C-alpha atoms as a PDB file:
ATOM      1  CA  MET A   1     -16.948  18.073  11.106  1.00  0.00           C
ATOM      2  CA  SER A   2     -14.673  15.327  12.294  1.00  0.00           C
ATOM      3  CA  ASN A   3     -11.378  13.654  11.485  1.00  0.00           C
ATOM      4  CA  THR A   4     -12.856  10.283  10.548  1.00  0.00           C
ATOM      5  CA  ASN A   5     -11.412  10.169   7.040  1.00  0.00           C
ATOM      6  CA  GLY A   6      -7.998  11.248   8.290  1.00  0.00           C
ATOM      7  CA  ILE A   7      -8.026   8.587  11.012  1.00  0.00           C
ATOM      8  CA  ILE A   8      -9.021   5.862   8.531  1.00  0.00           C
ATOM      9  CA  SER A   9      -6.325   7.031   6.126  1.00  0.00           C
ATOM     10  CA  LEU A  10      -3.682   7.034   8.836  1.00  0.00           C
ATOM     11  CA  ILE A  11      -4.656   3.574  10.113  1.00  0.00           C
ATOM     12  CA  PHE A  12      -4.570   2.027   6.650  1.00  0.00           C
ATOM     13  CA  GLY A  13      -1.369   3.906   5.813  1.00  0.00           C
ATOM     14  CA  ILE A  14       0.422   2.586   8.891  1.00  0.00           C
ATOM     15  CA  PHE A  15      -0.890  -0.944   8.358  1.00  0.00           C
ATOM     16  CA  SER A  16       0.010  -0.997   4.685  1.00  0.00           C
ATOM     17  CA  LEU A  17       3.494   0.359   5.316  1.00  0.00           C
ATOM     18  CA  CYS A  18       4.191  -2.097   8.136  1.00  0.00           C
ATOM     19  CA  CYS A  19       2.786  -5.309   6.751  1.00  0.00           C
ATOM     20  CA  GLY A  20       0.548  -4.708   3.747  1.00  0.00           C
ATOM     21  CA  TRP A  21       3.293  -5.319   1.197  1.00  0.00           C
ATOM     22  CA  LEU A  22       4.282  -8.526   3.005  1.00  0.00           C
ATOM     23  CA  VAL A  23       0.702  -9.754   2.818  1.00  0.00           C
ATOM     24  CA  GLY A  24       0.617  -8.978  -0.887  1.00  0.00           C
ATOM     25  CA  ALA A  25       3.949 -10.641  -1.529  1.00  0.00           C
ATOM     26  CA  PHE A  26       3.554 -13.884   0.393  1.00  0.00           C
ATOM     27  CA  LEU A  27      -0.146 -14.713   0.227  1.00  0.00           C
ATOM     28  CA  PRO A  28      -1.443 -16.403  -2.900  1.00  0.00           C
ATOM     29  CA  ILE A  29      -4.258 -13.838  -3.166  1.00  0.00           C
ATOM     30  CA  PRO A  30      -3.403 -11.573  -6.101  1.00  0.00           C
ATOM     31  CA  PHE A  31      -3.424  -7.796  -5.670  1.00  0.00           C
ATOM     32  CA  ILE A  32      -4.265  -7.840  -1.927  1.00  0.00           C
ATOM     33  CA  GLY A  33      -1.176  -5.713  -1.250  1.00  0.00           C
ATOM     34  CA  TYR A  34      -2.536  -2.934  -3.446  1.00  0.00           C
ATOM     35  CA  ILE A  35      -5.838  -2.602  -1.577  1.00  0.00           C
ATOM     36  CA  PHE A  36      -4.538  -1.179   1.706  1.00  0.00           C
ATOM     37  CA  PRO A  37      -2.416   1.622   0.194  1.00  0.00           C
ATOM     38  CA  ALA A  38      -5.243   2.486  -2.190  1.00  0.00           C
ATOM     39  CA  VAL A  39      -7.686   2.851   0.709  1.00  0.00           C
ATOM     40  CA  ALA A  40      -5.176   5.038   2.563  1.00  0.00           C
ATOM     41  CA  ILE A  41      -4.688   7.257  -0.487  1.00  0.00           C
ATOM     42  CA  ILE A  42      -8.416   7.570  -1.216  1.00  0.00           C
ATOM     43  CA  PHE A  43      -9.372   8.396   2.369  1.00  0.00           C
ATOM     44  CA  GLY A  44      -6.376  10.741   2.630  1.00  0.00           C
ATOM     45  CA  ILE A  45      -7.591  12.750  -0.340  1.00  0.00           C
ATOM     46  CA  ILE A  46     -11.155  12.774   0.985  1.00  0.00           C
ATOM     47  CA  GLY A  47      -9.850  13.794   4.412  1.00  0.00           C
ATOM     48  CA  ILE A  48      -7.855  16.686   2.981  1.00  0.00           C
ATOM     49  CA  ILE A  49     -10.930  17.937   1.160  1.00  0.00           C
ATOM     50  CA  LYS A  50     -13.599  17.399   3.832  1.00  0.00           C
ATOM     51  CA  ASP A  51     -12.018  17.221   7.300  1.00  0.00           C
ATOM     52  CA  ASP A  52     -11.269  20.184   9.531  1.00  0.00           C
ATOM     53  CA  SER A  53      -7.825  18.994  10.586  1.00  0.00           C
ATOM     54  CA  HIS A  54      -5.668  17.916   7.663  1.00  0.00           C
ATOM     55  CA  GLY A  55      -2.666  16.522   9.556  1.00  0.00           C
ATOM     56  CA  MET A  56      -3.731  12.898   9.869  1.00  0.00           C
ATOM     57  CA  ALA A  57      -5.110  12.843   6.334  1.00  0.00           C
ATOM     58  CA  ILE A  58      -1.832  14.144   4.905  1.00  0.00           C
ATOM     59  CA  ALA A  59       0.162  11.636   6.961  1.00  0.00           C
ATOM     60  CA  GLY A  60      -2.058   8.767   5.815  1.00  0.00           C
ATOM     61  CA  LEU A  61      -1.797   9.935   2.207  1.00  0.00           C
ATOM     62  CA  ILE A  62       1.995  10.056   2.356  1.00  0.00           C
ATOM     63  CA  LEU A  63       2.219   6.636   4.041  1.00  0.00           C
ATOM     64  CA  GLY A  64      -0.161   5.186   1.438  1.00  0.00           C
ATOM     65  CA  ILE A  65       1.941   6.533  -1.430  1.00  0.00           C
ATOM     66  CA  ILE A  66       5.175   5.226   0.105  1.00  0.00           C
ATOM     67  CA  SER A  67       3.566   1.852   0.720  1.00  0.00           C
ATOM     68  CA  LEU A  68       2.246   1.675  -2.842  1.00  0.00           C
ATOM     69  CA  ILE A  69       5.763   2.317  -4.135  1.00  0.00           C
ATOM     70  CA  CYS A  70       7.073  -0.476  -1.875  1.00  0.00           C
ATOM     71  CA  VAL A  71       4.407  -2.875  -3.175  1.00  0.00           C
ATOM     72  CA  PHE A  72       5.370  -2.093  -6.777  1.00  0.00           C
ATOM     73  CA  LEU A  73       9.060  -2.631  -5.990  1.00  0.00           C
ATOM     74  CA  VAL A  74       8.429  -5.944  -4.218  1.00  0.00           C
ATOM     75  CA  ALA A  75       6.225  -7.152  -7.083  1.00  0.00           C
ATOM     76  CA  ALA A  76       8.897  -6.188  -9.625  1.00  0.00           C
ATOM     77  CA  LEU A  77      11.575  -7.925  -7.562  1.00  0.00           C
ATOM     78  CA  PHE A  78       9.585 -11.161  -7.365  1.00  0.00           C
ATOM     79  CA  LEU A  79       8.784 -11.012 -11.078  1.00  0.00           C
ATOM     80  CA  ALA A  80      12.466 -10.524 -11.903  1.00  0.00           C
ATOM     81  CA  LEU A  81      13.387 -13.391  -9.580  1.00  0.00           C
ATOM     82  CA  ILE A  82      10.870 -15.739 -11.196  1.00  0.00           C
ATOM     83  CA  LEU A  83      11.992 -14.774 -14.697  1.00  0.00           C
ATOM     84  CA  ALA A  84      15.642 -15.289 -13.740  1.00  0.00           C
ATOM     85  CA  MET A  85      14.850 -18.712 -12.299  1.00  0.00           C
ATOM     86  CA  MET A  86      12.991 -19.673 -15.472  1.00  0.00           C
ATOM     87  CA  GLY A  87      15.977 -18.559 -17.536  1.00  0.00           C
ATOM     88  CA  MET A  88      18.340 -20.728 -15.505  1.00  0.00           C
ATOM     89  CA  GLY A  89      16.093 -23.754 -15.852  1.00  0.00           C
ATOM     90  CA  ALA A  90      15.219 -23.918 -12.165  1.00  0.00           C
ATOM     91  CA  LEU A  91      11.515 -23.635 -12.930  1.00  0.00           C
ATOM     92  CA  PRO A  92       9.658 -25.656 -15.578  1.00  0.00           C
END
């Protein structure tokens, strides 16, 4: 067999950790920041189960989980910021 799932997981894990949460935070497309970590996690799990070499799949899985946590934290921060601005009267 090959390492295709592990490679895909690692690529999406690196991309989502580097800039996926920024894309989700600053683009007006809802939930786009959750797609890249989810793909990394799914292919990481598939890669651990099916691939011969598990190293890249495990790395992609870990990066996907870390990135998903970052996306949740950024979303919570922006929600808290918007609610605070509405409480101060800065937003209608």
